[in-house]
Amino acid sequence: LYMAKSTEVRERNAQLRSVNETLRRTNDRLEESHLSVIGALIGALEAKASTSASDAAQTVTYAVRVAERLGLGSDEQNAIKLGALFHDVGTIGVPDALLKKDSSLDDGERTQVRAHASIGANLIANVPMLEKIKPIVLSHHERYDGAGYPAGLKGDEIPLAAQIVAVADAYQAMTQTRPYRAALSSKAALKELRANSGTQFNPVVVEAFVATVVEERRRSAHGHGETRQHVYEQALEAVRVSI
């Protein structure tokens, strides 16, 4: 009886090892598939966006630094890193002619452009590794005073991560040249952020962002600036940490 039971246990253990190995291979394939989707999304963004990968990486860097300054945990920082990378993923569904138009948009065109927040959130919801950043993608154009879109959220109704990404994105946009205007200096962009503090942006986030940018400029002036990773590398790093 003892020998029979021992043989049965060994056989069951062998079966369990086989099942576990199959599960491991399946999980590996799923992870590779999800990372491939993420890579495709990043590639589409880089091909469509007028900004360079280094500009996107700077937005990510500032957003994460602000999260650190505000005392957010590592999980929240990783979510913000991914949210900053993918906040405009919905522009994939907006015609290039509207995104690059050098004059004012009419009401219909404005509606199409604003739809990118909802489009992006729906795209993200279909990628399990990115589903947690859906609120950031959906809400990064909400305003602190409730006059934003798509839901007209106000104050603390807006996820803090989305508020951080919104400020970092606005700064990056203002300091880049557009078809309809010249780029602002860093100092002028920071002044503009403060001018819209309490209306468009969360005042606490704005002050943390200003302090972060000033500190970064000071470090760069002394030769201590950091080399920023490529956008794709940052995305994979953040995704793998969150698995």
Protein backbone atom coordinates (compact mmCIF):
# COMPACT_ATOMS: atom_id res chain seq x y z
CA LEU A 1 0.00 0.00 0.00
CA TYR A 2 2.87 2.35 0.88
CA MET A 3 4.63 1.70 -2.44
CA ALA A 4 1.40 2.20 -4.37
CA LYS A 5 0.68 5.50 -2.63
CA SER A 6 4.26 6.67 -3.20
CA THR A 7 3.99 5.93 -6.91
CA GLU A 8 0.64 7.74 -7.08
CA VAL A 9 2.11 10.81 -5.33
CA ARG A 10 5.09 10.88 -7.70
CA GLU A 11 2.79 10.67 -10.70
CA ARG A 12 0.61 13.50 -9.40
CA ASN A 13 3.66 15.64 -8.69
CA ALA A 14 4.89 15.02 -12.22
CA GLN A 15 1.49 16.04 -13.57
CA LEU A 16 1.53 19.22 -11.45
CA ARG A 17 5.00 20.10 -12.71
CA SER A 18 3.79 19.61 -16.28
CA VAL A 19 0.72 21.79 -15.67
CA ASN A 20 2.83 24.49 -14.00
CA GLU A 21 5.27 24.51 -16.89
CA THR A 22 2.38 24.82 -19.36
CA LEU A 23 0.96 27.72 -17.35
CA ARG A 24 4.36 29.40 -17.25
CA ARG A 25 4.76 29.13 -21.02
CA THR A 26 1.22 30.43 -21.52
CA ASN A 27 1.85 33.40 -19.24
CA ASP A 28 5.09 34.15 -21.05
CA ARG A 29 3.28 34.12 -24.40
CA LEU A 30 0.54 36.39 -23.01
CA GLU A 31 3.13 38.79 -21.63
CA GLU A 32 4.97 38.87 -24.95
CA SER A 33 1.69 39.44 -26.75
CA HIS A 34 0.73 42.32 -24.47
CA LEU A 35 4.17 43.89 -24.78
CA SER A 36 3.90 43.57 -28.55
CA VAL A 37 0.60 45.47 -28.44
CA ILE A 38 2.21 48.13 -26.25
CA GLY A 39 5.12 48.39 -28.66
CA ALA A 40 2.70 48.77 -31.57
CA LEU A 41 0.82 51.52 -29.74
CA ILE A 42 4.03 53.39 -29.00
CA GLY A 43 5.17 52.99 -32.60
CA ALA A 44 1.87 54.39 -33.84
CA LEU A 45 2.11 57.32 -31.45
CA GLU A 46 5.68 58.14 -32.45
CA ALA A 47 4.76 57.96 -36.13
CA LYS A 48 1.74 60.21 -35.71
CA ALA A 49 2.83 62.69 -33.04
CA SER A 50 4.59 65.90 -33.96
CA THR A 51 6.72 65.65 -30.83
CA SER A 52 9.84 63.51 -30.65
CA ALA A 53 10.44 60.54 -28.39
CA SER A 54 12.81 62.63 -26.27
CA ASP A 55 10.03 65.19 -25.70
CA ALA A 56 7.68 62.44 -24.56
CA ALA A 57 10.38 61.07 -22.29
CA GLN A 58 10.78 64.51 -20.72
CA THR A 59 7.05 64.68 -20.01
CA VAL A 60 7.31 61.29 -18.29
CA THR A 61 10.35 62.35 -16.28
CA TYR A 62 8.72 65.50 -14.99
CA ALA A 63 5.46 63.72 -14.16
CA VAL A 64 7.23 61.02 -12.16
CA ARG A 65 9.39 63.60 -10.35
CA VAL A 66 6.27 65.51 -9.32
CA ALA A 67 4.70 62.26 -8.08
CA GLU A 68 7.81 61.63 -5.99
CA ARG A 69 7.73 65.17 -4.61
CA LEU A 70 4.09 64.73 -3.62
CA GLY A 71 4.90 61.49 -1.79
CA LEU A 72 3.12 59.04 -4.08
CA GLY A 73 4.13 55.38 -3.78
CA SER A 74 6.01 53.31 -6.34
CA ASP A 75 2.83 51.74 -7.77
CA GLU A 76 1.32 55.17 -8.35
CA GLN A 77 4.57 56.41 -9.87
CA ASN A 78 4.62 53.51 -12.32
CA ALA A 79 0.99 54.22 -13.25
CA ILE A 80 1.88 57.87 -13.84
CA LYS A 81 4.86 56.86 -15.97
CA LEU A 82 2.61 54.77 -18.21
CA GLY A 83 -0.17 57.34 -18.10
CA ALA A 84 2.21 60.08 -19.24
CA LEU A 85 3.35 57.88 -22.12
CA PHE A 86 -0.11 56.90 -23.30
CA HIS A 87 -2.28 59.88 -22.35
CA ASP A 88 -2.67 60.91 -26.02
CA VAL A 89 -2.92 57.41 -27.49
CA GLY A 90 -6.46 58.25 -28.60
CA THR A 91 -5.11 60.69 -31.19
CA ILE A 92 -4.56 57.59 -33.32
CA GLY A 93 -8.27 57.90 -34.08
CA VAL A 94 -8.20 61.62 -34.92
CA PRO A 95 -7.46 62.80 -38.50
CA ASP A 96 -3.95 64.23 -38.94
CA ALA A 97 -5.38 67.28 -40.67
CA LEU A 98 -7.10 68.32 -37.45
CA LEU A 99 -4.11 67.64 -35.22
CA LYS A 100 -1.84 69.71 -37.45
CA LYS A 101 -4.29 72.45 -38.39
CA ASP A 102 -2.64 75.88 -38.10
CA SER A 103 -5.87 77.81 -37.50
CA SER A 104 -8.76 77.66 -35.05
CA LEU A 105 -10.97 74.55 -35.00
CA ASP A 106 -14.69 74.86 -35.57
CA ASP A 107 -17.14 73.22 -33.16
CA GLY A 108 -17.34 69.96 -35.08
CA GLU A 109 -13.57 69.68 -35.40
CA ARG A 110 -13.12 70.49 -31.73
CA THR A 111 -15.51 67.67 -30.84
CA GLN A 112 -13.51 65.24 -32.96
CA VAL A 113 -10.23 66.22 -31.31
CA ARG A 114 -11.70 66.06 -27.82
CA ALA A 115 -12.90 62.52 -28.51
CA HIS A 116 -9.28 61.34 -28.26
CA ALA A 117 -9.57 61.03 -24.47
CA SER A 118 -12.45 58.55 -24.71
CA ILE A 119 -10.92 56.76 -27.70
CA GLY A 120 -7.65 56.33 -25.81
CA ALA A 121 -9.38 55.05 -22.67
CA ASN A 122 -11.26 52.46 -24.73
CA LEU A 123 -8.04 51.32 -26.41
CA ILE A 124 -6.21 51.02 -23.11
CA ALA A 125 -9.06 49.03 -21.55
CA ASN A 126 -8.35 46.24 -24.07
CA VAL A 127 -4.73 45.80 -22.94
CA PRO A 128 -4.73 44.07 -19.51
CA MET A 129 -1.31 45.45 -18.54
CA LEU A 130 -2.48 49.00 -19.19
CA GLU A 131 -6.05 48.86 -17.88
CA LYS A 132 -5.07 50.51 -14.57
CA ILE A 133 -4.07 53.72 -16.37
CA LYS A 134 -7.44 54.11 -18.09
CA PRO A 135 -8.54 56.85 -15.60
CA ILE A 136 -5.42 58.88 -16.45
CA VAL A 137 -5.97 58.61 -20.18
CA LEU A 138 -9.66 59.43 -19.82
CA SER A 139 -9.28 62.37 -17.45
CA HIS A 140 -6.08 64.21 -18.42
CA HIS A 141 -8.12 67.01 -20.06
CA GLU A 142 -10.43 67.56 -17.11
CA ARG A 143 -9.99 70.96 -15.45
CA TYR A 144 -9.68 71.74 -11.77
CA ASP A 145 -12.62 74.18 -12.04
CA GLY A 146 -14.86 71.59 -13.75
CA ALA A 147 -14.75 73.15 -17.23
CA GLY A 148 -12.78 70.32 -18.84
CA TYR A 149 -13.76 67.19 -20.75
CA PRO A 150 -15.04 64.53 -21.29
CA ALA A 151 -16.98 64.34 -17.98
CA GLY A 152 -16.62 67.85 -16.51
CA LEU A 153 -15.00 66.51 -13.34
CA LYS A 154 -13.93 69.05 -10.73
CA GLY A 155 -11.21 69.25 -8.06
CA ASP A 156 -10.63 65.98 -6.23
CA GLU A 157 -13.06 64.19 -8.55
CA ILE A 158 -10.18 64.14 -11.05
CA PRO A 159 -7.61 61.41 -10.35
CA LEU A 160 -4.45 63.02 -8.96
CA ALA A 161 -2.34 61.08 -11.48
CA ALA A 162 -4.33 62.65 -14.33
CA GLN A 163 -3.84 66.11 -12.81
CA ILE A 164 -0.08 65.56 -12.67
CA VAL A 165 0.06 64.36 -16.28
CA ALA A 166 -2.06 67.33 -17.37
CA VAL A 167 0.42 69.84 -15.93
CA ALA A 168 3.48 68.05 -17.35
CA ASP A 169 1.81 67.77 -20.75
CA ALA A 170 0.78 71.45 -20.78
CA TYR A 171 4.32 72.55 -19.95
CA GLN A 172 5.80 70.37 -22.66
CA ALA A 173 3.27 71.66 -25.21
CA MET A 174 3.94 75.29 -24.34
CA THR A 175 7.71 74.92 -24.69
CA GLN A 176 7.43 73.44 -28.20
CA THR A 177 6.92 75.26 -31.47
CA ARG A 178 3.48 74.88 -33.02
CA PRO A 179 2.29 75.84 -36.55
CA TYR A 180 0.25 78.68 -35.03
CA ARG A 181 2.77 79.99 -32.44
CA ALA A 182 6.39 80.02 -31.34
CA ALA A 183 7.61 78.02 -28.37
CA LEU A 184 7.53 79.68 -24.97
CA SER A 185 10.62 79.82 -22.80
CA SER A 186 10.64 77.58 -19.73
CA LYS A 187 10.22 80.63 -17.49
CA ALA A 188 7.24 81.90 -19.49
CA ALA A 189 5.62 78.43 -19.50
CA LEU A 190 5.96 78.14 -15.72
CA LYS A 191 4.43 81.61 -15.37
CA GLU A 192 1.51 80.49 -17.54
CA LEU A 193 0.98 77.39 -15.41
CA ARG A 194 0.79 79.56 -12.30
CA ALA A 195 -1.60 81.94 -14.05
CA ASN A 196 -3.97 78.99 -14.58
CA SER A 197 -3.43 77.48 -11.13
CA GLY A 198 -6.75 76.96 -9.38
CA THR A 199 -8.75 77.15 -12.60
CA GLN A 200 -7.30 74.75 -15.16
CA PHE A 201 -4.75 73.09 -12.87
CA ASN A 202 -4.49 71.85 -9.30
CA PRO A 203 -2.48 74.50 -7.38
CA VAL A 204 -0.59 71.89 -5.35
CA VAL A 205 0.46 70.06 -8.49
CA VAL A 206 1.51 73.30 -10.21
CA GLU A 207 3.78 74.34 -7.34
CA ALA A 208 5.32 70.87 -7.14
CA PHE A 209 5.90 70.96 -10.89
CA VAL A 210 7.50 74.40 -10.81
CA ALA A 211 9.84 73.29 -8.03
CA THR A 212 10.72 70.14 -9.99
CA VAL A 213 11.56 72.05 -13.19
CA VAL A 214 13.64 74.65 -11.34
CA GLU A 215 15.55 71.89 -9.56
CA GLU A 216 16.13 70.02 -12.83
CA ARG A 217 17.43 73.14 -14.55
CA ARG A 218 19.76 73.81 -11.62
CA ARG A 219 21.10 70.25 -11.77
CA SER A 220 21.59 70.47 -15.54
CA ALA A 221 23.49 73.75 -15.16
CA HIS A 222 25.91 71.95 -12.85
CA GLY A 223 26.30 69.00 -15.21
CA HIS A 224 24.17 66.61 -13.18
CA GLY A 225 21.24 66.19 -15.57
CA GLU A 226 20.02 62.66 -16.16
CA THR A 227 20.03 60.81 -19.46
CA ARG A 228 16.43 59.98 -20.30
CA GLN A 229 15.47 56.56 -21.57
CA HIS A 230 13.73 56.05 -24.84
CA VAL A 231 9.95 56.03 -24.53
CA TYR A 232 9.62 52.36 -25.41
CA GLU A 233 12.22 51.34 -22.80
CA GLN A 234 10.37 53.34 -20.15
CA ALA A 235 7.08 51.70 -21.03
CA LEU A 236 8.45 48.17 -20.86
CA GLU A 237 10.19 48.91 -17.57
CA ALA A 238 7.01 50.28 -16.00
CA VAL A 239 4.89 47.41 -17.32
CA ARG A 240 7.26 44.70 -16.08
CA VAL A 241 7.46 46.27 -12.63
CA SER A 242 3.66 46.23 -12.41
CA ILE A 243 3.26 42.58 -13.41
